[in-house]
Amino acid sequence: MLSPYPRFMLVRQRVGILLMILFLPINGPLLRIGIQEITEKPVPIGEFYFFALCIVLFLLGGIMTFTPKLKSPFQE
């Protein structure tokens, strides 16, 4: 019987969702504070660049989550 929902997710999709949750732009200040507490040093990049890095990683997570499974043309 075919179900409309797949029973499993690819590891790539799970990692993508994790990236999207961790690097939501709203979490940027929280991540900076967490990194500063762990390393006991200030983060060596500025606010804007850290925000841009969060956006890039969030978009990478979105791409990993929502792109379809690709098949090689040489596979049957």
PDB file of N, CA and C in Angstrom:
ATOM      1  N   MET A   1       0.836  -1.168   0.000  1.00  0.00           N
ATOM      2  CA  MET A   1       0.000   0.000   0.000  1.00  0.00           C
ATOM      3  C   MET A   1       0.893   1.248   0.000  1.00  0.00           C
ATOM      4  N   LEU A   2       0.576   2.183  -0.866  1.00  0.00           N
ATOM      5  CA  LEU A   2       1.362   3.403  -0.967  1.00  0.00           C
ATOM      6  C   LEU A   2       0.787   4.462  -0.037  1.00  0.00           C
ATOM      7  N   SER A   3       1.651   5.026   0.764  1.00  0.00           N
ATOM      8  CA  SER A   3       1.200   6.103   1.645  1.00  0.00           C
ATOM      9  C   SER A   3       1.601   7.432   1.020  1.00  0.00           C
ATOM     10  N   PRO A   4       0.844   8.489   1.233  1.00  0.00           N
ATOM     11  CA  PRO A   4       1.177   9.780   0.634  1.00  0.00           C
ATOM     12  C   PRO A   4       2.408  10.432   1.262  1.00  0.00           C
ATOM     13  N   TYR A   5       2.810   9.977   2.427  1.00  0.00           N
ATOM     14  CA  TYR A   5       3.960  10.557   3.102  1.00  0.00           C
ATOM     15  C   TYR A   5       5.077   9.524   3.183  1.00  0.00           C
ATOM     16  N   PRO A   6       6.309   9.926   2.856  1.00  0.00           N
ATOM     17  CA  PRO A   6       7.410   8.971   2.994  1.00  0.00           C
ATOM     18  C   PRO A   6       7.668   8.662   4.462  1.00  0.00           C
ATOM     19  N   ARG A   7       8.080   7.453   4.720  1.00  0.00           N
ATOM     20  CA  ARG A   7       8.302   7.041   6.110  1.00  0.00           C
ATOM     21  C   ARG A   7       9.690   7.411   6.621  1.00  0.00           C
ATOM     22  N   PHE A   8      10.534   7.831   5.741  1.00  0.00           N
ATOM     23  CA  PHE A   8      11.889   8.174   6.169  1.00  0.00           C
ATOM     24  C   PHE A   8      12.324   9.466   5.495  1.00  0.00           C
ATOM     25  N   MET A   9      13.305  10.078   6.087  1.00  0.00           N
ATOM     26  CA  MET A   9      13.895  11.276   5.499  1.00  0.00           C
ATOM     27  C   MET A   9      15.354  10.969   5.218  1.00  0.00           C
ATOM     28  N   LEU A  10      15.869  11.559   4.187  1.00  0.00           N
ATOM     29  CA  LEU A  10      17.283  11.417   3.897  1.00  0.00           C
ATOM     30  C   LEU A  10      18.094  12.121   4.975  1.00  0.00           C
ATOM     31  N   VAL A  11      19.282  11.639   5.209  1.00  0.00           N
ATOM     32  CA  VAL A  11      20.158  12.267   6.213  1.00  0.00           C
ATOM     33  C   VAL A  11      20.420  13.720   5.814  1.00  0.00           C
ATOM     34  N   ARG A  12      20.551  13.968   4.521  1.00  0.00           N
ATOM     35  CA  ARG A  12      20.773  15.320   4.023  1.00  0.00           C
ATOM     36  C   ARG A  12      19.627  16.237   4.434  1.00  0.00           C
ATOM     37  N   GLN A  13      18.403  15.739   4.378  1.00  0.00           N
ATOM     38  CA  GLN A  13      17.251  16.550   4.761  1.00  0.00           C
ATOM     39  C   GLN A  13      17.228  16.809   6.261  1.00  0.00           C
ATOM     40  N   ARG A  14      17.606  15.831   7.040  1.00  0.00           N
ATOM     41  CA  ARG A  14      17.651  16.028   8.498  1.00  0.00           C
ATOM     42  C   ARG A  14      18.705  17.058   8.888  1.00  0.00           C
ATOM     43  N   VAL A  15      19.880  16.978   8.247  1.00  0.00           N
ATOM     44  CA  VAL A  15      20.929  17.961   8.522  1.00  0.00           C
ATOM     45  C   VAL A  15      20.479  19.348   8.073  1.00  0.00           C
ATOM     46  N   GLY A  16      19.762  19.414   6.953  1.00  0.00           N
ATOM     47  CA  GLY A  16      19.238  20.693   6.475  1.00  0.00           C
ATOM     48  C   GLY A  16      18.272  21.319   7.462  1.00  0.00           C
ATOM     49  N   ILE A  17      17.385  20.518   8.022  1.00  0.00           N
ATOM     50  CA  ILE A  17      16.435  21.043   9.012  1.00  0.00           C
ATOM     51  C   ILE A  17      17.177  21.513  10.257  1.00  0.00           C
ATOM     52  N   LEU A  18      18.184  20.764  10.677  1.00  0.00           N
ATOM     53  CA  LEU A  18      18.984  21.170  11.832  1.00  0.00           C
ATOM     54  C   LEU A  18      19.677  22.508  11.567  1.00  0.00           C
ATOM     55  N   LEU A  19      20.246  22.671  10.369  1.00  0.00           N
ATOM     56  CA  LEU A  19      20.886  23.944  10.021  1.00  0.00           C
ATOM     57  C   LEU A  19      19.874  25.086  10.014  1.00  0.00           C
ATOM     58  N   MET A  20      18.690  24.817   9.485  1.00  0.00           N
ATOM     59  CA  MET A  20      17.677  25.868   9.434  1.00  0.00           C
ATOM     60  C   MET A  20      17.240  26.300  10.830  1.00  0.00           C
ATOM     61  N   ILE A  21      17.117  25.353  11.740  1.00  0.00           N
ATOM     62  CA  ILE A  21      16.704  25.699  13.109  1.00  0.00           C
ATOM     63  C   ILE A  21      17.822  26.426  13.853  1.00  0.00           C
ATOM     64  N   LEU A  22      19.045  25.927  13.739  1.00  0.00           N
ATOM     65  CA  LEU A  22      20.163  26.543  14.464  1.00  0.00           C
ATOM     66  C   LEU A  22      20.496  27.938  13.957  1.00  0.00           C
ATOM     67  N   PHE A  23      20.442  28.123  12.637  1.00  0.00           N
ATOM     68  CA  PHE A  23      20.908  29.380  12.062  1.00  0.00           C
ATOM     69  C   PHE A  23      19.778  30.274  11.578  1.00  0.00           C
ATOM     70  N   LEU A  24      18.627  30.208  12.258  1.00  0.00           N
ATOM     71  CA  LEU A  24      17.595  31.203  12.015  1.00  0.00           C
ATOM     72  C   LEU A  24      18.200  32.568  12.319  1.00  0.00           C
ATOM     73  N   PRO A  25      17.942  33.561  11.486  1.00  0.00           N
ATOM     74  CA  PRO A  25      18.555  34.880  11.746  1.00  0.00           C
ATOM     75  C   PRO A  25      18.244  35.441  13.136  1.00  0.00           C
ATOM     76  N   ILE A  26      17.119  35.077  13.705  1.00  0.00           N
ATOM     77  CA  ILE A  26      16.774  35.571  15.043  1.00  0.00           C
ATOM     78  C   ILE A  26      17.693  34.967  16.111  1.00  0.00           C
ATOM     79  N   ASN A  27      18.316  33.830  15.823  1.00  0.00           N
ATOM     80  CA  ASN A  27      19.197  33.170  16.784  1.00  0.00           C
ATOM     81  C   ASN A  27      20.620  33.715  16.761  1.00  0.00           C
ATOM     82  N   GLY A  28      20.933  34.649  15.881  1.00  0.00           N
ATOM     83  CA  GLY A  28      22.293  35.185  15.750  1.00  0.00           C
ATOM     84  C   GLY A  28      22.881  35.704  17.051  1.00  0.00           C
ATOM     85  N   PRO A  29      22.183  36.611  17.752  1.00  0.00           N
ATOM     86  CA  PRO A  29      22.747  37.107  19.015  1.00  0.00           C
ATOM     87  C   PRO A  29      22.931  36.001  20.052  1.00  0.00           C
ATOM     88  N   LEU A  30      22.005  35.060  20.096  1.00  0.00           N
ATOM     89  CA  LEU A  30      22.127  33.949  21.038  1.00  0.00           C
ATOM     90  C   LEU A  30      23.351  33.081  20.712  1.00  0.00           C
ATOM     91  N   LEU A  31      23.589  32.857  19.415  1.00  0.00           N
ATOM     92  CA  LEU A  31      24.770  32.091  19.017  1.00  0.00           C
ATOM     93  C   LEU A  31      26.054  32.829  19.381  1.00  0.00           C
ATOM     94  N   ARG A  32      26.078  34.141  19.152  1.00  0.00           N
ATOM     95  CA  ARG A  32      27.275  34.930  19.511  1.00  0.00           C
ATOM     96  C   ARG A  32      27.559  34.835  21.006  1.00  0.00           C
ATOM     97  N   ILE A  33      26.522  34.960  21.821  1.00  0.00           N
ATOM     98  CA  ILE A  33      26.699  34.875  23.272  1.00  0.00           C
ATOM     99  C   ILE A  33      27.183  33.479  23.659  1.00  0.00           C
ATOM    100  N   GLY A  34      26.605  32.449  23.058  1.00  0.00           N
ATOM    101  CA  GLY A  34      27.017  31.072  23.348  1.00  0.00           C
ATOM    102  C   GLY A  34      28.466  30.813  22.976  1.00  0.00           C
ATOM    103  N   ILE A  35      28.876  31.303  21.804  1.00  0.00           N
ATOM    104  CA  ILE A  35      30.268  31.120  21.369  1.00  0.00           C
ATOM    105  C   ILE A  35      31.216  31.866  22.299  1.00  0.00           C
ATOM    106  N   GLN A  36      30.829  33.070  22.711  1.00  0.00           N
ATOM    107  CA  GLN A  36      31.672  33.831  23.635  1.00  0.00           C
ATOM    108  C   GLN A  36      31.799  33.141  24.983  1.00  0.00           C
ATOM    109  N   GLU A  37      30.723  32.537  25.463  1.00  0.00           N
ATOM    110  CA  GLU A  37      30.775  31.842  26.752  1.00  0.00           C
ATOM    111  C   GLU A  37      31.630  30.580  26.678  1.00  0.00           C
ATOM    112  N   ILE A  38      31.545  29.868  25.574  1.00  0.00           N
ATOM    113  CA  ILE A  38      32.303  28.619  25.438  1.00  0.00           C
ATOM    114  C   ILE A  38      33.794  28.901  25.274  1.00  0.00           C
ATOM    115  N   THR A  39      34.137  29.852  24.388  1.00  0.00           N
ATOM    116  CA  THR A  39      35.552  30.111  24.114  1.00  0.00           C
ATOM    117  C   THR A  39      36.171  31.131  25.060  1.00  0.00           C
ATOM    118  N   GLU A  40      35.343  31.858  25.813  1.00  0.00           N
ATOM    119  CA  GLU A  40      35.789  32.923  26.716  1.00  0.00           C
ATOM    120  C   GLU A  40      36.572  34.017  25.991  1.00  0.00           C
ATOM    121  N   LYS A  41      36.283  34.172  24.686  1.00  0.00           N
ATOM    122  CA  LYS A  41      36.879  35.230  23.867  1.00  0.00           C
ATOM    123  C   LYS A  41      35.763  35.834  23.023  1.00  0.00           C
ATOM    124  N   PRO A  42      35.891  37.074  22.634  1.00  0.00           N
ATOM    125  CA  PRO A  42      34.868  37.647  21.749  1.00  0.00           C
ATOM    126  C   PRO A  42      34.939  37.001  20.356  1.00  0.00           C
ATOM    127  N   VAL A  43      33.807  36.965  19.687  1.00  0.00           N
ATOM    128  CA  VAL A  43      33.756  36.413  18.331  1.00  0.00           C
ATOM    129  C   VAL A  43      34.526  37.365  17.422  1.00  0.00           C
ATOM    130  N   PRO A  44      35.488  36.846  16.628  1.00  0.00           N
ATOM    131  CA  PRO A  44      36.376  37.733  15.877  1.00  0.00           C
ATOM    132  C   PRO A  44      35.766  38.387  14.636  1.00  0.00           C
ATOM    133  N   ILE A  45      34.468  38.184  14.374  1.00  0.00           N
ATOM    134  CA  ILE A  45      33.856  38.845  13.217  1.00  0.00           C
ATOM    135  C   ILE A  45      32.764  39.792  13.707  1.00  0.00           C
ATOM    136  N   GLY A  46      32.451  40.772  12.887  1.00  0.00           N
ATOM    137  CA  GLY A  46      31.475  41.785  13.262  1.00  0.00           C
ATOM    138  C   GLY A  46      30.042  41.275  13.225  1.00  0.00           C
ATOM    139  N   GLU A  47      29.138  42.133  13.715  1.00  0.00           N
ATOM    140  CA  GLU A  47      27.726  41.781  13.781  1.00  0.00           C
ATOM    141  C   GLU A  47      27.152  41.495  12.394  1.00  0.00           C
ATOM    142  N   PHE A  48      27.432  42.378  11.435  1.00  0.00           N
ATOM    143  CA  PHE A  48      26.863  42.216  10.102  1.00  0.00           C
ATOM    144  C   PHE A  48      27.368  40.946   9.433  1.00  0.00           C
ATOM    145  N   TYR A  49      28.656  40.663   9.556  1.00  0.00           N
ATOM    146  CA  TYR A  49      29.215  39.463   8.920  1.00  0.00           C
ATOM    147  C   TYR A  49      28.698  38.193   9.581  1.00  0.00           C
ATOM    148  N   PHE A  50      28.489  38.228  10.882  1.00  0.00           N
ATOM    149  CA  PHE A  50      27.921  37.073  11.571  1.00  0.00           C
ATOM    150  C   PHE A  50      26.472  36.859  11.140  1.00  0.00           C
ATOM    151  N   PHE A  51      25.727  37.955  10.968  1.00  0.00           N
ATOM    152  CA  PHE A  51      24.356  37.875  10.483  1.00  0.00           C
ATOM    153  C   PHE A  51      24.333  37.305   9.065  1.00  0.00           C
ATOM    154  N   ALA A  52      25.236  37.769   8.205  1.00  0.00           N
ATOM    155  CA  ALA A  52      25.314  37.257   6.837  1.00  0.00           C
ATOM    156  C   ALA A  52      25.681  35.775   6.834  1.00  0.00           C
ATOM    157  N   LEU A  53      26.567  35.364   7.728  1.00  0.00           N
ATOM    158  CA  LEU A  53      26.939  33.950   7.832  1.00  0.00           C
ATOM    159  C   LEU A  53      25.735  33.107   8.265  1.00  0.00           C
ATOM    160  N   CYS A  54      24.949  33.618   9.198  1.00  0.00           N
ATOM    161  CA  CYS A  54      23.741  32.908   9.624  1.00  0.00           C
ATOM    162  C   CYS A  54      22.756  32.764   8.472  1.00  0.00           C
ATOM    163  N   ILE A  55      22.604  33.807   7.683  1.00  0.00           N
ATOM    164  CA  ILE A  55      21.671  33.744   6.542  1.00  0.00           C
ATOM    165  C   ILE A  55      22.162  32.721   5.516  1.00  0.00           C
ATOM    166  N   VAL A  56      23.459  32.729   5.225  1.00  0.00           N
ATOM    167  CA  VAL A  56      24.009  31.778   4.247  1.00  0.00           C
ATOM    168  C   VAL A  56      23.816  30.347   4.733  1.00  0.00           C
ATOM    169  N   LEU A  57      24.091  30.078   5.999  1.00  0.00           N
ATOM    170  CA  LEU A  57      23.918  28.719   6.519  1.00  0.00           C
ATOM    171  C   LEU A  57      22.444  28.327   6.579  1.00  0.00           C
ATOM    172  N   PHE A  58      21.564  29.280   6.862  1.00  0.00           N
ATOM    173  CA  PHE A  58      20.126  29.016   6.845  1.00  0.00           C
ATOM    174  C   PHE A  58      19.672  28.645   5.429  1.00  0.00           C
ATOM    175  N   LEU A  59      20.131  29.388   4.428  1.00  0.00           N
ATOM    176  CA  LEU A  59      19.772  29.085   3.042  1.00  0.00           C
ATOM    177  C   LEU A  59      20.352  27.749   2.592  1.00  0.00           C
ATOM    178  N   LEU A  60      21.559  27.437   3.029  1.00  0.00           N
ATOM    179  CA  LEU A  60      22.153  26.137   2.716  1.00  0.00           C
ATOM    180  C   LEU A  60      21.305  25.013   3.304  1.00  0.00           C
ATOM    181  N   GLY A  61      20.814  25.202   4.517  1.00  0.00           N
ATOM    182  CA  GLY A  61      19.920  24.218   5.123  1.00  0.00           C
ATOM    183  C   GLY A  61      18.625  24.071   4.345  1.00  0.00           C
ATOM    184  N   GLY A  62      18.087  25.188   3.855  1.00  0.00           N
ATOM    185  CA  GLY A  62      16.882  25.133   3.038  1.00  0.00           C
ATOM    186  C   GLY A  62      17.103  24.386   1.741  1.00  0.00           C
ATOM    187  N   ILE A  63      18.232  24.609   1.112  1.00  0.00           N
ATOM    188  CA  ILE A  63      18.554  23.890  -0.125  1.00  0.00           C
ATOM    189  C   ILE A  63      18.700  22.404   0.156  1.00  0.00           C
ATOM    190  N   MET A  64      19.389  22.072   1.238  1.00  0.00           N
ATOM    191  CA  MET A  64      19.581  20.655   1.579  1.00  0.00           C
ATOM    192  C   MET A  64      18.250  19.979   1.900  1.00  0.00           C
ATOM    193  N   THR A  65      17.323  20.704   2.490  1.00  0.00           N
ATOM    194  CA  THR A  65      16.046  20.129   2.900  1.00  0.00           C
ATOM    195  C   THR A  65      15.101  19.940   1.725  1.00  0.00           C
ATOM    196  N   PHE A  66      15.014  20.926   0.862  1.00  0.00           N
ATOM    197  CA  PHE A  66      13.951  20.932  -0.128  1.00  0.00           C
ATOM    198  C   PHE A  66      14.342  20.481  -1.531  1.00  0.00           C
ATOM    199  N   THR A  67      15.621  20.188  -1.777  1.00  0.00           N
ATOM    200  CA  THR A  67      15.960  19.665  -3.101  1.00  0.00           C
ATOM    201  C   THR A  67      15.573  18.190  -3.169  1.00  0.00           C
ATOM    202  N   PRO A  68      15.110  17.750  -4.329  1.00  0.00           N
ATOM    203  CA  PRO A  68      14.688  16.350  -4.440  1.00  0.00           C
ATOM    204  C   PRO A  68      15.880  15.403  -4.477  1.00  0.00           C
ATOM    205  N   LYS A  69      15.588  14.140  -4.233  1.00  0.00           N
ATOM    206  CA  LYS A  69      16.609  13.109  -4.308  1.00  0.00           C
ATOM    207  C   LYS A  69      17.017  12.954  -5.771  1.00  0.00           C
ATOM    208  N   LEU A  70      18.303  13.020  -6.037  1.00  0.00           N
ATOM    209  CA  LEU A  70      18.800  12.939  -7.394  1.00  0.00           C
ATOM    210  C   LEU A  70      19.266  11.519  -7.703  1.00  0.00           C
ATOM    211  N   LYS A  71      19.001  11.093  -8.919  1.00  0.00           N
ATOM    212  CA  LYS A  71      19.457   9.784  -9.352  1.00  0.00           C
ATOM    213  C   LYS A  71      20.469   9.972 -10.477  1.00  0.00           C
ATOM    214  N   SER A  72      21.449   9.118 -10.513  1.00  0.00           N
ATOM    215  CA  SER A  72      22.415   9.128 -11.587  1.00  0.00           C
ATOM    216  C   SER A  72      21.755   8.569 -12.852  1.00  0.00           C
ATOM    217  N   PRO A  73      22.040   9.137 -14.021  1.00  0.00           N
ATOM    218  CA  PRO A  73      21.442   8.602 -15.237  1.00  0.00           C
ATOM    219  C   PRO A  73      21.961   7.204 -15.586  1.00  0.00           C
ATOM    220  N   PHE A  74      23.010   6.764 -14.922  1.00  0.00           N
ATOM    221  CA  PHE A  74      23.576   5.453 -15.186  1.00  0.00           C
ATOM    222  C   PHE A  74      22.961   4.368 -14.318  1.00  0.00           C
ATOM    223  N   GLN A  75      22.146   4.771 -13.333  1.00  0.00           N
ATOM    224  CA  GLN A  75      21.466   3.781 -12.489  1.00  0.00           C
ATOM    225  C   GLN A  75      20.156   3.390 -13.150  1.00  0.00           C
ATOM    226  N   GLU A  76      19.755   2.160 -12.927  1.00  0.00           N
ATOM    227  CA  GLU A  76      18.492   1.686 -13.513  1.00  0.00           C
ATOM    228  C   GLU A  76      17.335   1.913 -12.572  1.00  0.00           C
TER     229      GLU A  76
END
